[in-house]
Amino acid sequence: MRPSSSPPFARIVAALCASLALSPAAGCGGAAAPPAPTPAPAEGGGLIGAAAPALSAEVVTGEGPSTLEEARGKVVIVDFWATYCGPCRRSFPQYQEIADRFGGEVAVIAVSLDAPEDASKEDIAAFADEARVRFKILWDRDESTAKRYRPPRMPTAYVIDQGGIVRHVHAGYERGEEEELAREIEALLAAAGRRRAAPPSGPRDGARTSP
């Protein structure tokens, strides 16, 4: 028998989604999607306060940046999802509303974890079309990005600040969670605005100034 080329993470989550009756708030894949024990969502899998790992995934469709380097200077939501994930269908339109609300200050990059034998590039693009979203859609076909982030369930959204640091992690999706995301984004934008608005330092004592 030919060994499967499916990314282990994606296959495990897909199996759990098919076999478990999950509530909408639980998130597709449940609390134990990865094969190894995962830190509590509040801990962010050890990424909160750390530089966000690079995104090395295939571009499928959408507008805006496809890498964190291209998104530098913006607040970024990196969302891990899959076409078989029910909660992802509810979260996608909310993420688009957030992107629209904040304009060019926020970028959403959605990373599909579908296994190649379970979905095609056309399937992933169709999901985005049906959800009526315009943000960038990537496909982590070889699981390289998922291995860096290790999202505990579907969907999982990472809020990354303008300097590329992970500040918040939302594992699963609950109705109304987009308002918490918006508050977090507003706080990050306000902090950056205060830094930009800080007055320049005056001349040091004894220093000469131009007439």
N, C-alpha and C. Protein backbone atom coordinates (compact mmCIF):
# COMPACT_ATOMS: atom_id res chain seq x y z
N MET A 1 0.84 -1.20 0.00
CA MET A 1 0.00 0.00 0.00
C MET A 1 0.87 1.24 0.00
N ARG A 2 0.52 2.21 -0.86
CA ARG A 2 1.28 3.44 -0.94
C ARG A 2 1.04 4.28 0.30
N PRO A 3 2.10 4.70 1.01
CA PRO A 3 1.90 5.52 2.20
C PRO A 3 1.23 6.84 1.85
N SER A 4 0.37 7.31 2.77
CA SER A 4 -0.33 8.57 2.55
C SER A 4 0.62 9.73 2.63
N SER A 5 0.41 10.73 1.77
CA SER A 5 1.24 11.94 1.80
C SER A 5 0.54 13.05 2.56
N SER A 6 -0.59 12.72 3.25
CA SER A 6 -1.36 13.75 3.94
C SER A 6 -0.57 14.33 5.09
N PRO A 7 -0.65 15.64 5.28
CA PRO A 7 -0.05 16.22 6.48
C PRO A 7 -0.70 15.63 7.71
N PRO A 8 0.06 15.05 8.66
CA PRO A 8 -0.53 14.41 9.83
C PRO A 8 -1.48 15.32 10.58
N PHE A 9 -1.12 16.57 10.76
CA PHE A 9 -1.98 17.47 11.53
C PHE A 9 -3.34 17.61 10.87
N ALA A 10 -3.35 17.85 9.59
CA ALA A 10 -4.62 18.05 8.88
C ALA A 10 -5.47 16.79 8.92
N ARG A 11 -4.86 15.62 8.75
CA ARG A 11 -5.62 14.38 8.74
C ARG A 11 -6.22 14.09 10.10
N ILE A 12 -5.48 14.35 11.17
CA ILE A 12 -6.00 14.09 12.51
C ILE A 12 -7.17 14.99 12.81
N VAL A 13 -7.05 16.27 12.48
CA VAL A 13 -8.15 17.21 12.73
C VAL A 13 -9.37 16.84 11.90
N ALA A 14 -9.17 16.45 10.65
CA ALA A 14 -10.29 16.07 9.80
C ALA A 14 -11.02 14.86 10.37
N ALA A 15 -10.27 13.88 10.88
CA ALA A 15 -10.89 12.69 11.46
C ALA A 15 -11.71 13.04 12.69
N LEU A 16 -11.19 13.91 13.52
CA LEU A 16 -11.92 14.33 14.71
C LEU A 16 -13.19 15.08 14.33
N CYS A 17 -13.10 15.94 13.33
CA CYS A 17 -14.27 16.69 12.90
C CYS A 17 -15.36 15.76 12.39
N ALA A 18 -14.95 14.68 11.74
CA ALA A 18 -15.92 13.76 11.18
C ALA A 18 -16.55 12.87 12.23
N SER A 19 -15.83 12.60 13.33
CA SER A 19 -16.29 11.61 14.30
C SER A 19 -16.89 12.19 15.55
N LEU A 20 -16.64 13.48 15.86
CA LEU A 20 -17.11 14.08 17.09
C LEU A 20 -18.23 15.06 16.82
N ALA A 21 -19.21 15.07 17.69
CA ALA A 21 -20.28 16.06 17.59
C ALA A 21 -19.87 17.26 18.42
N LEU A 22 -19.34 18.27 17.74
CA LEU A 22 -18.79 19.43 18.44
C LEU A 22 -19.80 20.56 18.46
N SER A 23 -19.80 21.33 19.53
CA SER A 23 -20.62 22.53 19.58
C SER A 23 -19.96 23.60 18.74
N PRO A 24 -20.73 24.61 18.22
CA PRO A 24 -20.13 25.66 17.40
C PRO A 24 -19.03 26.40 18.13
N ALA A 25 -19.14 26.51 19.45
CA ALA A 25 -18.15 27.27 20.19
C ALA A 25 -16.86 26.51 20.38
N ALA A 26 -16.93 25.18 20.21
CA ALA A 26 -15.75 24.38 20.52
C ALA A 26 -14.65 24.58 19.51
N GLY A 27 -15.02 24.82 18.28
CA GLY A 27 -14.01 24.89 17.23
C GLY A 27 -13.84 23.53 16.61
N CYS A 28 -13.68 23.49 15.31
CA CYS A 28 -13.56 22.22 14.62
C CYS A 28 -12.25 21.55 14.98
N GLY A 29 -12.31 20.31 15.45
CA GLY A 29 -11.10 19.61 15.86
C GLY A 29 -11.03 19.45 17.34
N GLY A 30 -11.85 20.19 18.10
CA GLY A 30 -11.88 19.99 19.54
C GLY A 30 -10.64 20.50 20.21
N ALA A 31 -10.46 20.13 21.46
CA ALA A 31 -9.38 20.65 22.28
C ALA A 31 -8.11 19.84 22.14
N ALA A 32 -8.15 18.72 21.41
CA ALA A 32 -6.97 17.86 21.36
C ALA A 32 -6.63 17.49 19.94
N ALA A 33 -6.65 18.48 19.04
CA ALA A 33 -6.40 18.20 17.63
C ALA A 33 -5.00 17.68 17.37
N PRO A 34 -3.92 18.30 17.90
CA PRO A 34 -2.59 17.78 17.65
C PRO A 34 -2.39 16.46 18.38
N PRO A 35 -1.53 15.56 17.89
CA PRO A 35 -1.33 14.28 18.55
C PRO A 35 -0.68 14.41 19.91
N ALA A 36 0.09 15.47 20.14
CA ALA A 36 0.75 15.65 21.42
C ALA A 36 -0.05 16.65 22.25
N PRO A 37 0.09 16.60 23.59
CA PRO A 37 -0.62 17.57 24.43
C PRO A 37 -0.27 18.98 24.02
N THR A 38 -1.29 19.84 24.04
CA THR A 38 -1.13 21.21 23.58
C THR A 38 -1.35 22.17 24.74
N PRO A 39 -0.56 23.24 24.86
CA PRO A 39 -0.80 24.22 25.91
C PRO A 39 -2.19 24.81 25.80
N ALA A 40 -2.72 25.29 26.91
CA ALA A 40 -4.03 25.92 26.90
C ALA A 40 -4.03 27.08 25.92
N PRO A 41 -5.18 27.34 25.25
CA PRO A 41 -5.22 28.43 24.28
C PRO A 41 -4.74 29.75 24.83
N ALA A 42 -5.03 30.01 26.12
CA ALA A 42 -4.62 31.29 26.70
C ALA A 42 -3.10 31.44 26.71
N GLU A 43 -2.41 30.32 26.72
CA GLU A 43 -0.94 30.38 26.72
C GLU A 43 -0.39 30.62 25.33
N GLY A 44 -1.22 30.46 24.33
CA GLY A 44 -0.79 30.74 22.96
C GLY A 44 0.23 29.78 22.43
N GLY A 45 0.30 28.57 23.02
CA GLY A 45 1.27 27.60 22.52
C GLY A 45 2.70 28.08 22.65
N GLY A 46 2.96 29.03 23.55
CA GLY A 46 4.31 29.53 23.74
C GLY A 46 4.67 30.65 22.79
N LEU A 47 3.75 31.09 21.93
CA LEU A 47 4.08 32.10 20.94
C LEU A 47 3.78 33.52 21.40
N ILE A 48 2.90 33.70 22.37
CA ILE A 48 2.56 35.06 22.80
C ILE A 48 3.81 35.75 23.33
N GLY A 49 4.07 36.93 22.78
CA GLY A 49 5.26 37.69 23.15
C GLY A 49 6.47 37.35 22.32
N ALA A 50 6.35 36.38 21.43
CA ALA A 50 7.48 35.97 20.58
C ALA A 50 7.26 36.45 19.15
N ALA A 51 8.33 36.47 18.38
CA ALA A 51 8.21 36.83 16.97
C ALA A 51 7.38 35.78 16.25
N ALA A 52 6.43 36.23 15.44
CA ALA A 52 5.56 35.30 14.71
C ALA A 52 6.38 34.52 13.69
N PRO A 53 6.20 33.20 13.63
CA PRO A 53 6.91 32.40 12.62
C PRO A 53 6.52 32.82 11.21
N ALA A 54 7.42 32.57 10.29
CA ALA A 54 7.18 32.92 8.89
C ALA A 54 6.04 32.08 8.32
N LEU A 55 5.37 32.63 7.32
CA LEU A 55 4.32 31.93 6.60
C LEU A 55 4.88 31.45 5.27
N SER A 56 5.05 30.15 5.14
CA SER A 56 5.55 29.60 3.88
C SER A 56 4.46 28.69 3.31
N ALA A 57 3.51 29.30 2.64
CA ALA A 57 2.37 28.56 2.10
C ALA A 57 2.02 29.12 0.73
N GLU A 58 1.34 28.31 -0.05
CA GLU A 58 0.99 28.66 -1.43
C GLU A 58 -0.15 29.67 -1.45
N VAL A 59 -0.02 30.69 -2.26
CA VAL A 59 -1.08 31.67 -2.44
C VAL A 59 -2.19 31.05 -3.29
N VAL A 60 -3.43 31.17 -2.80
CA VAL A 60 -4.58 30.66 -3.54
C VAL A 60 -5.37 31.79 -4.18
N THR A 61 -5.76 32.77 -3.38
CA THR A 61 -6.57 33.88 -3.88
C THR A 61 -6.58 35.00 -2.87
N GLY A 62 -7.22 36.10 -3.21
CA GLY A 62 -7.43 37.17 -2.25
C GLY A 62 -6.51 38.36 -2.43
N GLU A 63 -6.85 39.41 -1.68
CA GLU A 63 -6.12 40.67 -1.73
C GLU A 63 -5.25 40.83 -0.50
N GLY A 64 -4.25 41.71 -0.60
CA GLY A 64 -3.43 42.03 0.54
C GLY A 64 -2.17 41.21 0.63
N PRO A 65 -1.41 41.40 1.70
CA PRO A 65 -0.12 40.71 1.85
C PRO A 65 -0.29 39.21 2.02
N SER A 66 0.71 38.47 1.57
CA SER A 66 0.71 37.01 1.72
C SER A 66 1.80 36.53 2.67
N THR A 67 2.66 37.45 3.13
CA THR A 67 3.70 37.12 4.11
C THR A 67 3.69 38.18 5.20
N LEU A 68 4.29 37.84 6.32
CA LEU A 68 4.39 38.81 7.41
C LEU A 68 5.31 39.95 7.04
N GLU A 69 6.30 39.68 6.21
CA GLU A 69 7.20 40.74 5.78
C GLU A 69 6.42 41.79 4.97
N GLU A 70 5.55 41.32 4.09
CA GLU A 70 4.75 42.25 3.29
C GLU A 70 3.75 43.02 4.15
N ALA A 71 3.36 42.43 5.28
CA ALA A 71 2.36 43.06 6.17
C ALA A 71 3.00 43.91 7.25
N ARG A 72 4.31 44.05 7.23
CA ARG A 72 5.00 44.80 8.28
C ARG A 72 4.40 46.20 8.43
N GLY A 73 4.16 46.61 9.66
CA GLY A 73 3.56 47.90 9.93
C GLY A 73 2.05 47.83 10.11
N LYS A 74 1.45 46.68 9.81
CA LYS A 74 0.02 46.47 10.02
C LYS A 74 -0.19 45.49 11.18
N VAL A 75 -1.36 45.55 11.79
CA VAL A 75 -1.78 44.46 12.67
C VAL A 75 -2.27 43.33 11.77
N VAL A 76 -1.84 42.11 12.05
CA VAL A 76 -2.16 40.97 11.19
C VAL A 76 -2.93 39.92 11.98
N ILE A 77 -4.00 39.41 11.39
CA ILE A 77 -4.68 38.22 11.91
C ILE A 77 -4.27 37.06 11.01
N VAL A 78 -3.54 36.10 11.56
CA VAL A 78 -3.21 34.87 10.85
C VAL A 78 -4.18 33.80 11.33
N ASP A 79 -5.05 33.35 10.44
CA ASP A 79 -6.11 32.42 10.81
C ASP A 79 -5.88 31.07 10.16
N PHE A 80 -5.83 30.01 10.99
CA PHE A 80 -5.71 28.65 10.48
C PHE A 80 -7.11 28.04 10.39
N TRP A 81 -7.43 27.44 9.23
CA TRP A 81 -8.78 26.97 8.98
C TRP A 81 -8.72 25.81 7.99
N ALA A 82 -9.89 25.27 7.66
CA ALA A 82 -9.99 24.22 6.66
C ALA A 82 -11.40 24.21 6.09
N THR A 83 -11.56 23.65 4.89
CA THR A 83 -12.86 23.67 4.23
C THR A 83 -13.88 22.79 4.94
N TYR A 84 -13.43 21.80 5.73
CA TYR A 84 -14.36 20.91 6.44
C TYR A 84 -14.79 21.48 7.79
N CYS A 85 -14.32 22.67 8.14
CA CYS A 85 -14.53 23.24 9.47
C CYS A 85 -15.76 24.13 9.48
N GLY A 86 -16.81 23.69 10.18
CA GLY A 86 -18.03 24.47 10.28
C GLY A 86 -17.84 25.84 10.90
N PRO A 87 -17.17 25.94 12.08
CA PRO A 87 -16.96 27.26 12.68
C PRO A 87 -16.20 28.22 11.78
N CYS A 88 -15.37 27.69 10.89
CA CYS A 88 -14.62 28.57 9.97
C CYS A 88 -15.56 29.30 9.03
N ARG A 89 -16.67 28.68 8.66
CA ARG A 89 -17.64 29.33 7.79
C ARG A 89 -18.30 30.51 8.49
N ARG A 90 -18.39 30.43 9.82
CA ARG A 90 -18.97 31.54 10.57
C ARG A 90 -17.95 32.62 10.87
N SER A 91 -16.69 32.23 11.04
CA SER A 91 -15.67 33.21 11.42
C SER A 91 -15.20 34.03 10.22
N PHE A 92 -15.17 33.45 9.02
CA PHE A 92 -14.62 34.15 7.85
C PHE A 92 -15.29 35.50 7.60
N PRO A 93 -16.63 35.56 7.54
CA PRO A 93 -17.25 36.87 7.29
C PRO A 93 -16.93 37.89 8.38
N GLN A 94 -16.77 37.42 9.61
CA GLN A 94 -16.45 38.34 10.71
C GLN A 94 -15.04 38.92 10.54
N TYR A 95 -14.11 38.10 10.08
CA TYR A 95 -12.75 38.59 9.84
C TYR A 95 -12.74 39.61 8.71
N GLN A 96 -13.59 39.38 7.70
CA GLN A 96 -13.66 40.36 6.61
C GLN A 96 -14.22 41.68 7.11
N GLU A 97 -15.22 41.62 8.01
CA GLU A 97 -15.77 42.85 8.59
C GLU A 97 -14.69 43.61 9.37
N ILE A 98 -13.86 42.87 10.11
CA ILE A 98 -12.78 43.52 10.86
C ILE A 98 -11.81 44.19 9.90
N ALA A 99 -11.43 43.49 8.83
CA ALA A 99 -10.51 44.07 7.85
C ALA A 99 -11.10 45.34 7.24
N ASP A 100 -12.40 45.31 6.95
CA ASP A 100 -13.05 46.48 6.37
C ASP A 100 -13.13 47.62 7.38
N ARG A 101 -13.39 47.28 8.65
CA ARG A 101 -13.55 48.31 9.68
C ARG A 101 -12.26 49.10 9.87
N PHE A 102 -11.13 48.42 9.83
CA PHE A 102 -9.86 49.09 10.11
C PHE A 102 -9.09 49.47 8.84
N GLY A 103 -9.64 49.17 7.70
CA GLY A 103 -9.01 49.59 6.45
C GLY A 103 -7.61 49.02 6.29
N GLY A 104 -6.70 49.85 5.81
CA GLY A 104 -5.34 49.38 5.52
C GLY A 104 -4.48 49.16 6.73
N GLU A 105 -5.02 49.38 7.93
CA GLU A 105 -4.21 49.18 9.14
C GLU A 105 -4.19 47.73 9.60
N VAL A 106 -5.08 46.90 9.07
CA VAL A 106 -5.19 45.50 9.47
C VAL A 106 -5.19 44.61 8.24
N ALA A 107 -4.45 43.51 8.32
CA ALA A 107 -4.44 42.51 7.25
C ALA A 107 -4.86 41.17 7.83
N VAL A 108 -5.66 40.43 7.06
CA VAL A 108 -6.04 39.07 7.43
C VAL A 108 -5.39 38.12 6.44
N ILE A 109 -4.69 37.13 6.96
CA ILE A 109 -4.08 36.08 6.13
C ILE A 109 -4.61 34.75 6.65
N ALA A 110 -5.42 34.07 5.83
CA ALA A 110 -6.06 32.82 6.23
C ALA A 110 -5.31 31.64 5.61
N VAL A 111 -4.86 30.72 6.47
CA VAL A 111 -4.01 29.62 6.04
C VAL A 111 -4.80 28.31 6.11
N SER A 112 -5.09 27.72 4.95
CA SER A 112 -5.83 26.46 4.90
C SER A 112 -4.91 25.29 5.26
N LEU A 113 -5.46 24.40 6.10
CA LEU A 113 -4.72 23.18 6.47
C LEU A 113 -5.33 21.94 5.83
N ASP A 114 -6.07 22.12 4.75
CA ASP A 114 -6.64 20.97 4.04
C ASP A 114 -5.55 20.07 3.48
N ALA A 115 -5.75 18.77 3.61
CA ALA A 115 -4.83 17.82 3.00
C ALA A 115 -5.05 17.78 1.49
N PRO A 116 -3.99 17.60 0.69
CA PRO A 116 -4.13 17.65 -0.76
C PRO A 116 -5.13 16.65 -1.32
N GLU A 117 -5.28 15.45 -0.70
CA GLU A 117 -6.24 14.48 -1.22
C GLU A 117 -7.66 14.73 -0.75
N ASP A 118 -7.84 15.70 0.15
CA ASP A 118 -9.17 16.02 0.65
C ASP A 118 -9.76 17.26 -0.01
N ALA A 119 -8.92 18.13 -0.54
CA ALA A 119 -9.40 19.36 -1.15
C ALA A 119 -8.40 19.81 -2.20
N SER A 120 -8.89 20.55 -3.18
CA SER A 120 -8.05 21.09 -4.23
C SER A 120 -7.91 22.60 -4.05
N LYS A 121 -7.05 23.19 -4.82
CA LYS A 121 -6.90 24.64 -4.80
C LYS A 121 -8.21 25.31 -5.17
N GLU A 122 -8.94 24.71 -6.11
CA GLU A 122 -10.24 25.25 -6.51
C GLU A 122 -11.26 25.16 -5.38
N ASP A 123 -11.22 24.07 -4.60
CA ASP A 123 -12.13 23.94 -3.45
C ASP A 123 -11.87 25.04 -2.42
N ILE A 124 -10.60 25.31 -2.18
CA ILE A 124 -10.23 26.32 -1.18
C ILE A 124 -10.66 27.71 -1.65
N ALA A 125 -10.45 27.99 -2.93
CA ALA A 125 -10.88 29.27 -3.48
C ALA A 125 -12.40 29.40 -3.45
N ALA A 126 -13.11 28.30 -3.71
CA ALA A 126 -14.57 28.32 -3.69
C ALA A 126 -15.09 28.61 -2.29
N PHE A 127 -14.44 28.08 -1.27
CA PHE A 127 -14.83 28.35 0.12
C PHE A 127 -14.77 29.85 0.38
N ALA A 128 -13.68 30.48 -0.04
CA ALA A 128 -13.53 31.92 0.17
C ALA A 128 -14.59 32.70 -0.61
N ASP A 129 -14.89 32.25 -1.83
CA ASP A 129 -15.91 32.93 -2.63
C ASP A 129 -17.28 32.83 -1.97
N GLU A 130 -17.62 31.63 -1.47
CA GLU A 130 -18.91 31.43 -0.82
C GLU A 130 -19.04 32.26 0.45
N ALA A 131 -17.92 32.43 1.16
CA ALA A 131 -17.93 33.24 2.38
C ALA A 131 -17.86 34.73 2.08
N ARG A 132 -17.66 35.08 0.80
CA ARG A 132 -17.60 36.48 0.34
C ARG A 132 -16.50 37.26 1.06
N VAL A 133 -15.33 36.65 1.12
CA VAL A 133 -14.19 37.34 1.73
C VAL A 133 -13.18 37.69 0.64
N ARG A 134 -12.43 38.75 0.89
CA ARG A 134 -11.45 39.23 -0.09
C ARG A 134 -10.02 39.15 0.41
N PHE A 135 -9.84 38.81 1.69
CA PHE A 135 -8.49 38.78 2.23
C PHE A 135 -7.70 37.60 1.66
N LYS A 136 -6.40 37.61 1.91
CA LYS A 136 -5.51 36.62 1.29
C LYS A 136 -5.76 35.22 1.85
N ILE A 137 -5.83 34.27 0.94
CA ILE A 137 -6.00 32.86 1.29
C ILE A 137 -4.74 32.10 0.87
N LEU A 138 -4.14 31.39 1.82
CA LEU A 138 -2.97 30.55 1.55
C LEU A 138 -3.32 29.09 1.79
N TRP A 139 -2.52 28.21 1.20
CA TRP A 139 -2.70 26.76 1.41
C TRP A 139 -1.39 26.19 1.93
N ASP A 140 -1.44 25.69 3.17
CA ASP A 140 -0.26 25.08 3.80
C ASP A 140 -0.19 23.61 3.39
N ARG A 141 0.03 23.41 2.12
CA ARG A 141 -0.05 22.08 1.52
C ARG A 141 0.89 21.07 2.19
N ASP A 142 2.10 21.51 2.57
CA ASP A 142 3.08 20.59 3.14
C ASP A 142 3.16 20.68 4.67
N GLU A 143 2.28 21.46 5.28
CA GLU A 143 2.17 21.57 6.74
C GLU A 143 3.36 22.31 7.38
N SER A 144 4.19 22.96 6.58
CA SER A 144 5.38 23.60 7.15
C SER A 144 5.01 24.76 8.06
N THR A 145 3.98 25.53 7.71
CA THR A 145 3.58 26.65 8.56
C THR A 145 2.87 26.16 9.81
N ALA A 146 2.02 25.14 9.69
CA ALA A 146 1.31 24.59 10.86
C ALA A 146 2.29 24.04 11.88
N LYS A 147 3.40 23.47 11.42
CA LYS A 147 4.38 22.92 12.35
C LYS A 147 5.05 24.02 13.17
N ARG A 148 5.12 25.24 12.61
CA ARG A 148 5.72 26.34 13.35
C ARG A 148 4.74 26.93 14.37
N TYR A 149 3.47 26.98 13.99
CA TYR A 149 2.46 27.61 14.86
C TYR A 149 1.78 26.59 15.78
N ARG A 150 1.55 25.39 15.31
CA ARG A 150 0.83 24.32 16.02
C ARG A 150 -0.50 24.82 16.59
N PRO A 151 -1.42 25.26 15.73
CA PRO A 151 -2.73 25.70 16.21
C PRO A 151 -3.46 24.55 16.90
N PRO A 152 -4.03 24.78 18.09
CA PRO A 152 -4.63 23.69 18.85
C PRO A 152 -5.96 23.20 18.32
N ARG A 153 -6.65 24.00 17.51
CA ARG A 153 -7.93 23.58 16.95
C ARG A 153 -8.27 24.45 15.75
N MET A 154 -9.42 24.15 15.14
CA MET A 154 -9.86 24.92 13.98
C MET A 154 -11.09 25.73 14.36
N PRO A 155 -11.20 26.98 14.01
CA PRO A 155 -10.07 27.81 13.56
C PRO A 155 -9.24 28.28 14.74
N THR A 156 -8.03 28.70 14.48
CA THR A 156 -7.21 29.40 15.47
C THR A 156 -6.66 30.65 14.82
N ALA A 157 -6.88 31.80 15.48
CA ALA A 157 -6.43 33.08 14.95
C ALA A 157 -5.34 33.66 15.85
N TYR A 158 -4.25 34.09 15.24
CA TYR A 158 -3.13 34.73 15.93
C TYR A 158 -3.15 36.21 15.58
N VAL A 159 -3.18 37.06 16.61
CA VAL A 159 -3.14 38.51 16.40
C VAL A 159 -1.69 38.97 16.57
N ILE A 160 -1.14 39.53 15.51
CA ILE A 160 0.28 39.89 15.45
C ILE A 160 0.40 41.40 15.31
N ASP A 161 1.24 42.01 16.13
CA ASP A 161 1.33 43.47 16.11
C ASP A 161 2.15 43.98 14.93
N GLN A 162 2.28 45.31 14.86
CA GLN A 162 2.91 45.96 13.71
C GLN A 162 4.39 45.61 13.59
N GLY A 163 4.99 45.15 14.68
CA GLY A 163 6.39 44.76 14.65
C GLY A 163 6.62 43.28 14.47
N GLY A 164 5.54 42.52 14.25
CA GLY A 164 5.69 41.08 14.00
C GLY A 164 5.68 40.21 15.24
N ILE A 165 5.17 40.73 16.37
CA ILE A 165 5.12 39.96 17.62
C ILE A 165 3.71 39.44 17.85
N VAL A 166 3.59 38.16 18.23
CA VAL A 166 2.28 37.57 18.55
C VAL A 166 1.79 38.15 19.87
N ARG A 167 0.62 38.76 19.85
CA ARG A 167 0.07 39.38 21.06
C ARG A 167 -1.13 38.64 21.63
N HIS A 168 -1.93 37.99 20.78
CA HIS A 168 -3.12 37.29 21.26
C HIS A 168 -3.34 36.04 20.41
N VAL A 169 -3.97 35.02 21.03
CA VAL A 169 -4.32 33.81 20.30
C VAL A 169 -5.76 33.45 20.63
N HIS A 170 -6.57 33.20 19.60
CA HIS A 170 -7.97 32.80 19.77
C HIS A 170 -8.12 31.40 19.19
N ALA A 171 -8.24 30.40 20.05
CA ALA A 171 -8.39 29.01 19.61
C ALA A 171 -9.87 28.66 19.60
N GLY A 172 -10.40 28.29 18.43
CA GLY A 172 -11.83 28.09 18.28
C GLY A 172 -12.50 29.42 17.98
N TYR A 173 -13.78 29.34 17.67
CA TYR A 173 -14.53 30.56 17.37
C TYR A 173 -15.88 30.51 18.08
N GLU A 174 -16.20 31.57 18.83
CA GLU A 174 -17.49 31.73 19.47
C GLU A 174 -18.16 32.98 18.94
N ARG A 175 -19.46 32.94 18.85
CA ARG A 175 -20.20 34.11 18.38
C ARG A 175 -19.87 35.33 19.23
N GLY A 176 -19.57 36.43 18.61
CA GLY A 176 -19.22 37.65 19.32
C GLY A 176 -17.73 37.80 19.58
N GLU A 177 -16.95 36.78 19.25
CA GLU A 177 -15.51 36.86 19.51
C GLU A 177 -14.83 37.93 18.67
N GLU A 178 -15.47 38.28 17.55
CA GLU A 178 -14.89 39.31 16.70
C GLU A 178 -14.79 40.65 17.42
N GLU A 179 -15.69 40.90 18.38
CA GLU A 179 -15.61 42.15 19.13
C GLU A 179 -14.39 42.18 20.04
N GLU A 180 -14.07 41.04 20.60
CA GLU A 180 -12.84 40.97 21.41
C GLU A 180 -11.62 41.20 20.53
N LEU A 181 -11.63 40.59 19.34
CA LEU A 181 -10.54 40.81 18.39
C LEU A 181 -10.42 42.30 18.05
N ALA A 182 -11.57 42.94 17.81
CA ALA A 182 -11.54 44.36 17.45
C ALA A 182 -10.96 45.20 18.58
N ARG A 183 -11.30 44.87 19.83
CA ARG A 183 -10.75 45.62 20.96
C ARG A 183 -9.24 45.44 21.05
N GLU A 184 -8.77 44.22 20.80
CA GLU A 184 -7.33 43.98 20.83
C GLU A 184 -6.62 44.77 19.74
N ILE A 185 -7.21 44.80 18.56
CA ILE A 185 -6.62 45.55 17.46
C ILE A 185 -6.60 47.04 17.76
N GLU A 186 -7.70 47.55 18.28
CA GLU A 186 -7.76 48.97 18.63
C GLU A 186 -6.67 49.34 19.63
N ALA A 187 -6.44 48.46 20.60
CA ALA A 187 -5.40 48.74 21.60
C ALA A 187 -4.02 48.77 20.95
N LEU A 188 -3.76 47.86 20.03
CA LEU A 188 -2.46 47.84 19.35
C LEU A 188 -2.28 49.07 18.48
N LEU A 189 -3.33 49.48 17.78
CA LEU A 189 -3.24 50.67 16.95
C LEU A 189 -3.08 51.92 17.80
N ALA A 190 -3.77 51.97 18.94
CA ALA A 190 -3.66 53.13 19.82
C ALA A 190 -2.25 53.23 20.39
N ALA A 191 -1.67 52.09 20.77
CA ALA A 191 -0.31 52.11 21.32
C ALA A 191 0.68 52.61 20.28
N ALA A 192 0.51 52.18 19.04
CA ALA A 192 1.40 52.64 17.98
C ALA A 192 1.20 54.11 17.71
N GLY A 193 -0.06 54.59 17.80
CA GLY A 193 -0.34 56.00 17.57
C GLY A 193 0.28 56.87 18.62
N ARG A 194 0.29 56.41 19.87
CA ARG A 194 0.92 57.19 20.94
C ARG A 194 2.40 57.31 20.71
N ARG A 195 3.00 56.22 20.21
CA ARG A 195 4.44 56.29 19.95
C ARG A 195 4.74 57.28 18.83
N ARG A 196 3.90 57.26 17.77
CA ARG A 196 4.13 58.18 16.65
C ARG A 196 3.89 59.63 17.05
N ALA A 197 2.93 59.83 18.00
CA ALA A 197 2.57 61.19 18.38
C ALA A 197 3.46 61.76 19.47
N ALA A 198 4.37 60.95 20.00
CA ALA A 198 5.22 61.43 21.09
C ALA A 198 6.06 62.59 20.59
N PRO A 199 6.12 63.69 21.35
CA PRO A 199 6.90 64.85 20.89
C PRO A 199 8.38 64.53 20.87
N PRO A 200 9.12 65.13 19.95
CA PRO A 200 10.57 64.89 19.90
C PRO A 200 11.24 65.44 21.14
N SER A 201 12.34 64.84 21.49
CA SER A 201 13.08 65.29 22.66
C SER A 201 13.62 66.69 22.42
N GLY A 202 13.55 67.54 23.43
CA GLY A 202 14.10 68.89 23.33
C GLY A 202 15.61 68.86 23.42
N PRO A 203 16.24 70.00 23.23
CA PRO A 203 17.71 70.05 23.30
C PRO A 203 18.19 69.74 24.70
N ARG A 204 19.30 69.08 24.80
CA ARG A 204 19.87 68.78 26.11
C ARG A 204 20.31 70.07 26.79
N ASP A 205 20.39 70.02 28.08
CA ASP A 205 20.81 71.20 28.84
C ASP A 205 22.15 71.68 28.31
N GLY A 206 22.19 72.98 28.01
CA GLY A 206 23.47 73.55 27.55
C GLY A 206 23.68 73.45 26.08
N ALA A 207 22.78 72.72 25.36
CA ALA A 207 22.97 72.57 23.91
C ALA A 207 22.52 73.83 23.20
N ARG A 208 23.15 74.16 22.13
CA ARG A 208 22.79 75.34 21.36
C ARG A 208 21.66 74.99 20.41
N THR A 209 20.78 75.91 20.19
CA THR A 209 19.71 75.73 19.22
C THR A 209 19.90 76.72 18.09
N SER A 210 19.28 76.38 16.97
CA SER A 210 19.40 77.28 15.81
C SER A 210 18.63 78.55 16.09
N PRO A 211 19.12 79.67 15.66
CA PRO A 211 18.41 80.94 15.87
C PRO A 211 17.13 80.98 15.08
